[in-house]
Amino acid sequence: MMNIIPSVTLRNADVLKSVPVDQLEQLDISAEEEMRIKLYVRKEETITRILAFTKQVRQLLSNHSEAERMVGWVEKEKRARRVLDGVASDADKQQLTIEASKRGFGETIEQLAQRQIELADILALQNAELDGLETKAIDSVQHAKDIAEVEALLEQFKTEAEESLKNIKTYGEA
């Protein structure tokens, strides 16, 4: 839950900045201000849930790969495209040769390059799907007018995410 509310307007019109949530009960605020604060807190909680969900899905889809490995995938894709386009450097070819040899699948560097591009394309589609869902949900929540709307938007996000996940291709399917 949120620990700090950016601003709170008291009944006497004074504005307090950075108010801890646990101190709100001690303040003289109007019912309208209380509802504004509750809406703010609920929006923040919902956005946090949306972000946590999409992060968890990304981790599952990438087989819990760490950031360094994900960056490496981007470089592998570039190298693989250079190999298949016939413009690879000796270093590109050497790196693919080493990886193909260590993998032990008897594949050529061209076969490995093709596989790496397929995986990169899957990752790009997964990210497009999740980024779109996440952005839409967060923007909608930020513009919600009341808590009921926030709740409805969260349910809509869950439904859309569940449907999208059915359509997301995974690495094992490539």
N, C-alpha and C. Protein backbone atom coordinates (compact mmCIF):
# COMPACT_ATOMS: atom_id res chain seq x y z
N MET A 1 0.84 -1.18 0.00
CA MET A 1 0.00 0.00 0.00
C MET A 1 0.88 1.24 0.00
N MET A 2 0.32 2.31 -0.48
CA MET A 2 1.04 3.59 -0.52
C MET A 2 1.40 4.02 0.90
N ASN A 3 2.56 4.56 1.07
CA ASN A 3 2.98 5.06 2.37
C ASN A 3 2.82 6.56 2.49
N ILE A 4 2.91 7.27 1.36
CA ILE A 4 2.88 8.73 1.37
C ILE A 4 1.86 9.24 0.35
N ILE A 5 1.03 10.19 0.77
CA ILE A 5 0.11 10.89 -0.13
C ILE A 5 0.79 12.21 -0.48
N PRO A 6 0.91 12.52 -1.78
CA PRO A 6 1.64 13.73 -2.18
C PRO A 6 1.11 15.02 -1.57
N SER A 7 -0.23 15.16 -1.50
CA SER A 7 -0.78 16.37 -0.88
C SER A 7 -2.16 16.07 -0.31
N VAL A 8 -2.47 16.77 0.78
CA VAL A 8 -3.77 16.64 1.44
C VAL A 8 -4.26 18.05 1.75
N THR A 9 -5.52 18.32 1.37
CA THR A 9 -6.12 19.62 1.66
C THR A 9 -7.01 19.49 2.89
N LEU A 10 -6.71 20.28 3.90
CA LEU A 10 -7.49 20.28 5.13
C LEU A 10 -8.76 21.10 4.94
N ARG A 11 -9.71 20.97 5.88
CA ARG A 11 -10.96 21.74 5.80
C ARG A 11 -10.70 23.24 5.80
N ASN A 12 -9.65 23.70 6.46
CA ASN A 12 -9.34 25.13 6.50
C ASN A 12 -8.58 25.59 5.26
N ALA A 13 -8.46 24.71 4.27
CA ALA A 13 -7.83 24.98 2.97
C ALA A 13 -6.30 24.93 3.00
N ASP A 14 -5.72 24.65 4.15
CA ASP A 14 -4.28 24.44 4.18
C ASP A 14 -3.96 23.15 3.40
N VAL A 15 -2.82 23.16 2.75
CA VAL A 15 -2.40 21.99 1.98
C VAL A 15 -1.14 21.43 2.62
N LEU A 16 -1.20 20.16 2.97
CA LEU A 16 -0.05 19.47 3.53
C LEU A 16 0.59 18.62 2.43
N LYS A 17 1.89 18.62 2.40
CA LYS A 17 2.63 17.84 1.40
C LYS A 17 3.21 16.59 2.03
N SER A 18 3.31 15.53 1.25
CA SER A 18 3.95 14.27 1.66
C SER A 18 3.43 13.77 3.01
N VAL A 19 2.16 13.44 3.03
CA VAL A 19 1.51 13.01 4.26
C VAL A 19 1.52 11.47 4.34
N PRO A 20 2.08 10.92 5.41
CA PRO A 20 2.04 9.47 5.58
C PRO A 20 0.59 8.98 5.71
N VAL A 21 0.27 7.89 5.06
CA VAL A 21 -1.08 7.35 5.07
C VAL A 21 -1.55 7.08 6.50
N ASP A 22 -0.67 6.59 7.33
CA ASP A 22 -1.08 6.24 8.69
C ASP A 22 -1.40 7.46 9.56
N GLN A 23 -1.17 8.66 9.05
CA GLN A 23 -1.50 9.88 9.80
C GLN A 23 -2.78 10.56 9.29
N LEU A 24 -3.39 10.01 8.27
CA LEU A 24 -4.58 10.64 7.69
C LEU A 24 -5.74 10.73 8.68
N GLU A 25 -5.92 9.72 9.52
CA GLU A 25 -7.04 9.72 10.46
C GLU A 25 -6.96 10.87 11.45
N GLN A 26 -5.78 11.40 11.67
CA GLN A 26 -5.59 12.49 12.64
C GLN A 26 -5.89 13.86 12.03
N LEU A 27 -6.11 13.91 10.72
CA LEU A 27 -6.29 15.19 10.04
C LEU A 27 -7.77 15.53 9.88
N ASP A 28 -8.04 16.83 9.87
CA ASP A 28 -9.40 17.32 9.67
C ASP A 28 -9.60 17.56 8.17
N ILE A 29 -10.14 16.52 7.51
CA ILE A 29 -10.36 16.64 6.06
C ILE A 29 -11.82 16.40 5.74
N SER A 30 -12.26 16.94 4.62
CA SER A 30 -13.65 16.79 4.20
C SER A 30 -13.87 15.38 3.64
N ALA A 31 -15.14 15.04 3.51
CA ALA A 31 -15.49 13.74 2.93
C ALA A 31 -15.00 13.66 1.49
N GLU A 32 -15.07 14.77 0.77
CA GLU A 32 -14.60 14.81 -0.62
C GLU A 32 -13.10 14.56 -0.69
N GLU A 33 -12.35 15.18 0.21
CA GLU A 33 -10.90 14.99 0.23
C GLU A 33 -10.56 13.55 0.61
N GLU A 34 -11.32 13.00 1.54
CA GLU A 34 -11.10 11.61 1.91
C GLU A 34 -11.33 10.68 0.71
N MET A 35 -12.37 10.95 -0.06
CA MET A 35 -12.65 10.13 -1.25
C MET A 35 -11.56 10.32 -2.30
N ARG A 36 -11.06 11.54 -2.46
CA ARG A 36 -9.98 11.80 -3.42
C ARG A 36 -8.74 11.00 -3.03
N ILE A 37 -8.44 10.99 -1.75
CA ILE A 37 -7.27 10.26 -1.25
C ILE A 37 -7.46 8.75 -1.44
N LYS A 38 -8.65 8.26 -1.10
CA LYS A 38 -8.92 6.83 -1.28
C LYS A 38 -8.78 6.44 -2.75
N LEU A 39 -9.27 7.30 -3.65
CA LEU A 39 -9.15 7.03 -5.08
C LEU A 39 -7.68 7.02 -5.49
N TYR A 40 -6.93 8.00 -5.00
CA TYR A 40 -5.50 8.07 -5.32
C TYR A 40 -4.79 6.79 -4.87
N VAL A 41 -5.04 6.38 -3.64
CA VAL A 41 -4.39 5.18 -3.09
C VAL A 41 -4.79 3.95 -3.90
N ARG A 42 -6.08 3.84 -4.22
CA ARG A 42 -6.54 2.67 -4.98
C ARG A 42 -5.92 2.65 -6.37
N LYS A 43 -5.80 3.80 -7.01
CA LYS A 43 -5.16 3.87 -8.32
C LYS A 43 -3.71 3.39 -8.22
N GLU A 44 -2.99 3.87 -7.23
CA GLU A 44 -1.59 3.48 -7.06
C GLU A 44 -1.45 1.99 -6.78
N GLU A 45 -2.33 1.46 -5.94
CA GLU A 45 -2.30 0.02 -5.66
C GLU A 45 -2.58 -0.79 -6.93
N THR A 46 -3.54 -0.33 -7.71
CA THR A 46 -3.91 -1.04 -8.93
C THR A 46 -2.79 -1.00 -9.95
N ILE A 47 -2.18 0.15 -10.12
CA ILE A 47 -1.05 0.27 -11.05
C ILE A 47 0.10 -0.63 -10.61
N THR A 48 0.35 -0.68 -9.32
CA THR A 48 1.40 -1.56 -8.79
C THR A 48 1.07 -3.02 -9.10
N ARG A 49 -0.18 -3.40 -8.98
CA ARG A 49 -0.59 -4.77 -9.29
C ARG A 49 -0.43 -5.08 -10.77
N ILE A 50 -0.80 -4.13 -11.61
CA ILE A 50 -0.66 -4.31 -13.06
C ILE A 50 0.80 -4.50 -13.43
N LEU A 51 1.65 -3.63 -12.90
CA LEU A 51 3.09 -3.72 -13.20
C LEU A 51 3.69 -5.02 -12.67
N ALA A 52 3.28 -5.44 -11.50
CA ALA A 52 3.78 -6.69 -10.93
C ALA A 52 3.35 -7.88 -11.79
N PHE A 53 2.11 -7.84 -12.25
CA PHE A 53 1.61 -8.93 -13.09
C PHE A 53 2.38 -9.02 -14.40
N THR A 54 2.54 -7.89 -15.09
CA THR A 54 3.24 -7.95 -16.38
C THR A 54 4.71 -8.30 -16.19
N LYS A 55 5.30 -7.87 -15.09
CA LYS A 55 6.69 -8.26 -14.81
C LYS A 55 6.78 -9.77 -14.60
N GLN A 56 5.84 -10.31 -13.85
CA GLN A 56 5.84 -11.75 -13.60
C GLN A 56 5.65 -12.53 -14.90
N VAL A 57 4.76 -12.06 -15.76
CA VAL A 57 4.55 -12.74 -17.04
C VAL A 57 5.81 -12.68 -17.88
N ARG A 58 6.45 -11.51 -17.93
CA ARG A 58 7.69 -11.39 -18.70
C ARG A 58 8.75 -12.37 -18.17
N GLN A 59 8.84 -12.48 -16.85
CA GLN A 59 9.82 -13.41 -16.27
C GLN A 59 9.49 -14.85 -16.63
N LEU A 60 8.23 -15.20 -16.60
CA LEU A 60 7.83 -16.56 -16.98
C LEU A 60 8.12 -16.82 -18.45
N LEU A 61 7.79 -15.86 -19.30
CA LEU A 61 8.00 -16.05 -20.74
C LEU A 61 9.47 -16.11 -21.11
N SER A 62 10.31 -15.42 -20.34
CA SER A 62 11.75 -15.43 -20.64
C SER A 62 12.48 -16.50 -19.83
N ASN A 63 11.71 -17.37 -19.19
CA ASN A 63 12.29 -18.44 -18.38
C ASN A 63 13.14 -17.87 -17.25
N HIS A 64 12.66 -16.77 -16.66
CA HIS A 64 13.30 -16.10 -15.53
C HIS A 64 14.73 -15.65 -15.84
N SER A 65 14.94 -15.24 -17.08
CA SER A 65 16.27 -14.77 -17.47
C SER A 65 16.57 -13.42 -16.84
N GLU A 66 17.80 -13.24 -16.42
CA GLU A 66 18.22 -11.99 -15.81
C GLU A 66 18.46 -10.94 -16.91
N ALA A 67 18.54 -9.69 -16.49
CA ALA A 67 18.67 -8.58 -17.44
C ALA A 67 19.89 -8.73 -18.35
N GLU A 68 21.00 -9.17 -17.80
CA GLU A 68 22.21 -9.32 -18.61
C GLU A 68 22.00 -10.32 -19.75
N ARG A 69 21.28 -11.38 -19.46
CA ARG A 69 21.02 -12.37 -20.51
C ARG A 69 20.08 -11.79 -21.56
N MET A 70 19.11 -11.02 -21.12
CA MET A 70 18.17 -10.40 -22.07
C MET A 70 18.91 -9.45 -23.01
N VAL A 71 19.84 -8.68 -22.48
CA VAL A 71 20.66 -7.80 -23.32
C VAL A 71 21.46 -8.63 -24.31
N GLY A 72 21.97 -9.75 -23.85
CA GLY A 72 22.72 -10.65 -24.73
C GLY A 72 21.87 -11.16 -25.88
N TRP A 73 20.58 -11.37 -25.62
CA TRP A 73 19.68 -11.83 -26.69
C TRP A 73 19.57 -10.79 -27.79
N VAL A 74 19.55 -9.53 -27.40
CA VAL A 74 19.48 -8.45 -28.40
C VAL A 74 20.72 -8.50 -29.29
N GLU A 75 21.87 -8.69 -28.67
CA GLU A 75 23.11 -8.77 -29.45
C GLU A 75 23.14 -10.02 -30.32
N LYS A 76 22.62 -11.12 -29.79
CA LYS A 76 22.58 -12.35 -30.58
C LYS A 76 21.71 -12.16 -31.82
N GLU A 77 20.60 -11.47 -31.65
CA GLU A 77 19.72 -11.24 -32.81
C GLU A 77 20.44 -10.43 -33.88
N LYS A 78 21.12 -9.38 -33.47
CA LYS A 78 21.85 -8.55 -34.45
C LYS A 78 22.91 -9.39 -35.17
N ARG A 79 23.65 -10.17 -34.41
CA ARG A 79 24.70 -11.01 -34.98
C ARG A 79 24.09 -12.04 -35.93
N ALA A 80 23.00 -12.65 -35.52
CA ALA A 80 22.34 -13.67 -36.34
C ALA A 80 21.85 -13.08 -37.66
N ARG A 81 21.30 -11.88 -37.60
CA ARG A 81 20.83 -11.24 -38.84
C ARG A 81 22.01 -10.94 -39.77
N ARG A 82 23.14 -10.54 -39.18
CA ARG A 82 24.31 -10.27 -40.03
C ARG A 82 24.78 -11.56 -40.70
N VAL A 83 24.76 -12.66 -39.95
CA VAL A 83 25.18 -13.95 -40.53
C VAL A 83 24.26 -14.32 -41.69
N LEU A 84 22.96 -14.24 -41.47
CA LEU A 84 22.02 -14.65 -42.51
C LEU A 84 21.98 -13.67 -43.68
N ASP A 85 22.34 -12.42 -43.42
CA ASP A 85 22.40 -11.42 -44.50
C ASP A 85 23.72 -11.47 -45.26
N GLY A 86 24.65 -12.31 -44.80
CA GLY A 86 25.93 -12.45 -45.48
C GLY A 86 26.91 -11.32 -45.22
N VAL A 87 26.71 -10.58 -44.13
CA VAL A 87 27.60 -9.45 -43.82
C VAL A 87 28.25 -9.61 -42.44
N ALA A 88 28.32 -10.84 -41.96
CA ALA A 88 28.89 -11.09 -40.64
C ALA A 88 30.40 -10.91 -40.65
N SER A 89 30.89 -10.40 -39.55
CA SER A 89 32.34 -10.29 -39.37
C SER A 89 32.88 -11.65 -38.95
N ASP A 90 34.19 -11.76 -38.95
CA ASP A 90 34.81 -13.00 -38.47
C ASP A 90 34.45 -13.23 -37.00
N ALA A 91 34.38 -12.15 -36.23
CA ALA A 91 34.02 -12.28 -34.81
C ALA A 91 32.58 -12.80 -34.66
N ASP A 92 31.65 -12.30 -35.50
CA ASP A 92 30.28 -12.80 -35.48
C ASP A 92 30.25 -14.30 -35.72
N LYS A 93 30.96 -14.72 -36.76
CA LYS A 93 30.98 -16.14 -37.12
C LYS A 93 31.62 -16.98 -36.02
N GLN A 94 32.69 -16.45 -35.43
CA GLN A 94 33.37 -17.18 -34.36
C GLN A 94 32.45 -17.36 -33.16
N GLN A 95 31.74 -16.31 -32.78
CA GLN A 95 30.84 -16.40 -31.62
C GLN A 95 29.73 -17.42 -31.86
N LEU A 96 29.16 -17.41 -33.06
CA LEU A 96 28.12 -18.38 -33.37
C LEU A 96 28.69 -19.79 -33.45
N THR A 97 29.88 -19.93 -33.98
CA THR A 97 30.52 -21.24 -34.06
C THR A 97 30.75 -21.81 -32.66
N ILE A 98 31.25 -20.98 -31.76
CA ILE A 98 31.48 -21.42 -30.38
C ILE A 98 30.17 -21.84 -29.73
N GLU A 99 29.14 -21.00 -29.86
CA GLU A 99 27.87 -21.34 -29.22
C GLU A 99 27.27 -22.61 -29.82
N ALA A 100 27.29 -22.72 -31.15
CA ALA A 100 26.74 -23.92 -31.80
C ALA A 100 27.48 -25.17 -31.33
N SER A 101 28.78 -25.07 -31.22
CA SER A 101 29.59 -26.20 -30.77
C SER A 101 29.25 -26.58 -29.33
N LYS A 102 29.14 -25.58 -28.45
CA LYS A 102 28.87 -25.83 -27.03
C LYS A 102 27.45 -26.37 -26.81
N ARG A 103 26.51 -25.96 -27.67
CA ARG A 103 25.13 -26.43 -27.54
C ARG A 103 25.05 -27.93 -27.81
N GLY A 104 25.87 -28.42 -28.73
CA GLY A 104 25.92 -29.85 -29.00
C GLY A 104 24.75 -30.40 -29.78
N PHE A 105 24.06 -29.57 -30.56
CA PHE A 105 22.92 -30.03 -31.35
C PHE A 105 23.30 -30.34 -32.79
N GLY A 106 24.57 -30.19 -33.13
CA GLY A 106 25.02 -30.46 -34.49
C GLY A 106 24.50 -29.47 -35.52
N GLU A 107 24.20 -28.27 -35.08
CA GLU A 107 23.65 -27.27 -36.00
C GLU A 107 24.75 -26.41 -36.60
N THR A 108 24.50 -25.89 -37.79
CA THR A 108 25.42 -24.96 -38.42
C THR A 108 25.21 -23.59 -37.81
N ILE A 109 26.13 -22.67 -38.09
CA ILE A 109 25.94 -21.32 -37.55
C ILE A 109 24.71 -20.67 -38.20
N GLU A 110 24.40 -21.04 -39.42
CA GLU A 110 23.21 -20.50 -40.08
C GLU A 110 21.93 -21.01 -39.40
N GLN A 111 21.94 -22.29 -39.03
CA GLN A 111 20.78 -22.85 -38.33
C GLN A 111 20.60 -22.20 -36.96
N LEU A 112 21.70 -22.02 -36.26
CA LEU A 112 21.64 -21.36 -34.96
C LEU A 112 21.18 -19.92 -35.13
N ALA A 113 21.70 -19.24 -36.13
CA ALA A 113 21.29 -17.86 -36.38
C ALA A 113 19.79 -17.79 -36.65
N GLN A 114 19.28 -18.71 -37.44
CA GLN A 114 17.84 -18.73 -37.74
C GLN A 114 17.03 -18.94 -36.46
N ARG A 115 17.48 -19.84 -35.61
CA ARG A 115 16.80 -20.11 -34.34
C ARG A 115 16.81 -18.86 -33.45
N GLN A 116 17.94 -18.17 -33.40
CA GLN A 116 18.05 -16.97 -32.58
C GLN A 116 17.12 -15.87 -33.09
N ILE A 117 16.97 -15.76 -34.39
CA ILE A 117 16.05 -14.76 -34.95
C ILE A 117 14.60 -15.14 -34.63
N GLU A 118 14.27 -16.41 -34.74
CA GLU A 118 12.92 -16.85 -34.39
C GLU A 118 12.60 -16.51 -32.94
N LEU A 119 13.55 -16.77 -32.05
CA LEU A 119 13.34 -16.47 -30.63
C LEU A 119 13.24 -14.96 -30.39
N ALA A 120 14.06 -14.19 -31.09
CA ALA A 120 14.00 -12.73 -30.95
C ALA A 120 12.65 -12.20 -31.43
N ASP A 121 12.14 -12.77 -32.51
CA ASP A 121 10.84 -12.34 -33.02
C ASP A 121 9.72 -12.67 -32.04
N ILE A 122 9.82 -13.85 -31.41
CA ILE A 122 8.83 -14.22 -30.40
C ILE A 122 8.90 -13.25 -29.23
N LEU A 123 10.09 -12.94 -28.76
CA LEU A 123 10.27 -12.00 -27.66
C LEU A 123 9.67 -10.64 -28.01
N ALA A 124 9.91 -10.18 -29.22
CA ALA A 124 9.37 -8.88 -29.66
C ALA A 124 7.84 -8.89 -29.65
N LEU A 125 7.24 -9.96 -30.12
CA LEU A 125 5.78 -10.07 -30.12
C LEU A 125 5.22 -10.14 -28.70
N GLN A 126 5.90 -10.89 -27.84
CA GLN A 126 5.47 -10.97 -26.44
C GLN A 126 5.50 -9.59 -25.79
N ASN A 127 6.60 -8.88 -26.02
CA ASN A 127 6.73 -7.55 -25.43
C ASN A 127 5.70 -6.58 -25.98
N ALA A 128 5.42 -6.67 -27.27
CA ALA A 128 4.40 -5.80 -27.87
C ALA A 128 3.04 -6.05 -27.22
N GLU A 129 2.71 -7.31 -27.04
CA GLU A 129 1.44 -7.68 -26.43
C GLU A 129 1.36 -7.15 -24.99
N LEU A 130 2.38 -7.44 -24.20
CA LEU A 130 2.38 -7.02 -22.79
C LEU A 130 2.48 -5.51 -22.63
N ASP A 131 3.34 -4.88 -23.42
CA ASP A 131 3.48 -3.42 -23.33
C ASP A 131 2.17 -2.72 -23.66
N GLY A 132 1.49 -3.21 -24.69
CA GLY A 132 0.21 -2.62 -25.07
C GLY A 132 -0.83 -2.75 -23.97
N LEU A 133 -0.95 -3.95 -23.43
CA LEU A 133 -1.90 -4.18 -22.33
C LEU A 133 -1.57 -3.31 -21.12
N GLU A 134 -0.30 -3.29 -20.76
CA GLU A 134 0.14 -2.54 -19.59
C GLU A 134 -0.13 -1.05 -19.76
N THR A 135 0.25 -0.51 -20.90
CA THR A 135 0.07 0.93 -21.14
C THR A 135 -1.40 1.31 -21.12
N LYS A 136 -2.22 0.53 -21.80
CA LYS A 136 -3.66 0.82 -21.83
C LYS A 136 -4.25 0.78 -20.42
N ALA A 137 -3.91 -0.26 -19.66
CA ALA A 137 -4.47 -0.42 -18.32
C ALA A 137 -4.05 0.72 -17.40
N ILE A 138 -2.77 1.05 -17.42
CA ILE A 138 -2.28 2.12 -16.53
C ILE A 138 -2.89 3.46 -16.90
N ASP A 139 -2.94 3.76 -18.19
CA ASP A 139 -3.53 5.03 -18.62
C ASP A 139 -5.01 5.10 -18.21
N SER A 140 -5.73 4.01 -18.40
CA SER A 140 -7.14 3.99 -18.03
C SER A 140 -7.32 4.20 -16.53
N VAL A 141 -6.51 3.52 -15.74
CA VAL A 141 -6.60 3.66 -14.28
C VAL A 141 -6.28 5.10 -13.86
N GLN A 142 -5.25 5.68 -14.45
CA GLN A 142 -4.88 7.05 -14.09
C GLN A 142 -6.00 8.04 -14.37
N HIS A 143 -6.83 7.75 -15.36
CA HIS A 143 -7.92 8.66 -15.73
C HIS A 143 -9.27 8.28 -15.11
N ALA A 144 -9.29 7.25 -14.29
CA ALA A 144 -10.54 6.81 -13.66
C ALA A 144 -11.07 7.89 -12.73
N LYS A 145 -12.39 7.99 -12.67
CA LYS A 145 -13.04 9.04 -11.87
C LYS A 145 -13.45 8.58 -10.47
N ASP A 146 -13.56 7.26 -10.29
CA ASP A 146 -13.95 6.77 -8.96
C ASP A 146 -13.42 5.35 -8.75
N ILE A 147 -13.53 4.88 -7.52
CA ILE A 147 -12.97 3.58 -7.16
C ILE A 147 -13.67 2.46 -7.92
N ALA A 148 -14.96 2.57 -8.13
CA ALA A 148 -15.68 1.53 -8.88
C ALA A 148 -15.12 1.40 -10.29
N GLU A 149 -14.79 2.52 -10.90
CA GLU A 149 -14.21 2.48 -12.24
C GLU A 149 -12.82 1.83 -12.20
N VAL A 150 -12.04 2.13 -11.18
CA VAL A 150 -10.72 1.51 -11.04
C VAL A 150 -10.87 0.00 -10.92
N GLU A 151 -11.82 -0.44 -10.10
CA GLU A 151 -12.06 -1.88 -9.92
C GLU A 151 -12.48 -2.52 -11.24
N ALA A 152 -13.36 -1.86 -11.97
CA ALA A 152 -13.81 -2.40 -13.26
C ALA A 152 -12.65 -2.47 -14.25
N LEU A 153 -11.79 -1.47 -14.24
CA LEU A 153 -10.64 -1.46 -15.14
C LEU A 153 -9.65 -2.57 -14.79
N LEU A 154 -9.48 -2.84 -13.51
CA LEU A 154 -8.61 -3.94 -13.11
C LEU A 154 -9.17 -5.28 -13.60
N GLU A 155 -10.47 -5.46 -13.46
CA GLU A 155 -11.09 -6.70 -13.95
C GLU A 155 -10.97 -6.80 -15.47
N GLN A 156 -11.14 -5.67 -16.16
CA GLN A 156 -10.99 -5.65 -17.62
C GLN A 156 -9.56 -6.03 -18.00
N PHE A 157 -8.59 -5.48 -17.29
CA PHE A 157 -7.19 -5.82 -17.55
C PHE A 157 -6.96 -7.32 -17.37
N LYS A 158 -7.48 -7.87 -16.28
CA LYS A 158 -7.29 -9.30 -16.02
C LYS A 158 -7.88 -10.14 -17.16
N THR A 159 -9.07 -9.77 -17.61
CA THR A 159 -9.72 -10.49 -18.70
C THR A 159 -8.92 -10.38 -19.99
N GLU A 160 -8.50 -9.16 -20.32
CA GLU A 160 -7.72 -8.95 -21.54
C GLU A 160 -6.36 -9.64 -21.46
N ALA A 161 -5.76 -9.62 -20.30
CA ALA A 161 -4.46 -10.27 -20.13
C ALA A 161 -4.60 -11.78 -20.29
N GLU A 162 -5.64 -12.33 -19.70
CA GLU A 162 -5.87 -13.77 -19.82
C GLU A 162 -6.07 -14.16 -21.29
N GLU A 163 -6.83 -13.36 -22.02
CA GLU A 163 -7.06 -13.64 -23.44
C GLU A 163 -5.76 -13.49 -24.24
N SER A 164 -5.00 -12.46 -23.94
CA SER A 164 -3.74 -12.24 -24.65
C SER A 164 -2.75 -13.37 -24.39
N LEU A 165 -2.70 -13.84 -23.16
CA LEU A 165 -1.76 -14.91 -22.83
C LEU A 165 -2.05 -16.19 -23.61
N LYS A 166 -3.31 -16.39 -23.96
CA LYS A 166 -3.65 -17.56 -24.77
C LYS A 166 -3.03 -17.46 -26.16
N ASN A 167 -2.82 -16.23 -26.62
CA ASN A 167 -2.32 -16.00 -27.98
C ASN A 167 -0.82 -15.80 -28.06
N ILE A 168 -0.16 -15.68 -26.92
CA ILE A 168 1.28 -15.42 -26.93
C ILE A 168 2.03 -16.73 -27.19
N LYS A 169 2.85 -16.70 -28.20
CA LYS A 169 3.68 -17.85 -28.54
C LYS A 169 4.87 -17.88 -27.59
N THR A 170 5.25 -19.06 -27.14
CA THR A 170 6.39 -19.18 -26.23
C THR A 170 7.57 -19.79 -26.95
N TYR A 171 8.72 -19.75 -26.30
CA TYR A 171 9.95 -20.25 -26.91
C TYR A 171 9.85 -21.73 -27.26
N GLY A 172 9.19 -22.49 -26.44
CA GLY A 172 9.06 -23.92 -26.70
C GLY A 172 8.25 -24.23 -27.94
N GLU A 173 7.42 -23.27 -28.36
CA GLU A 173 6.59 -23.48 -29.54
C GLU A 173 7.29 -23.05 -30.82
N ALA A 174 8.46 -22.42 -30.70
CA ALA A 174 9.16 -21.93 -31.89
C ALA A 174 9.89 -23.05 -32.59
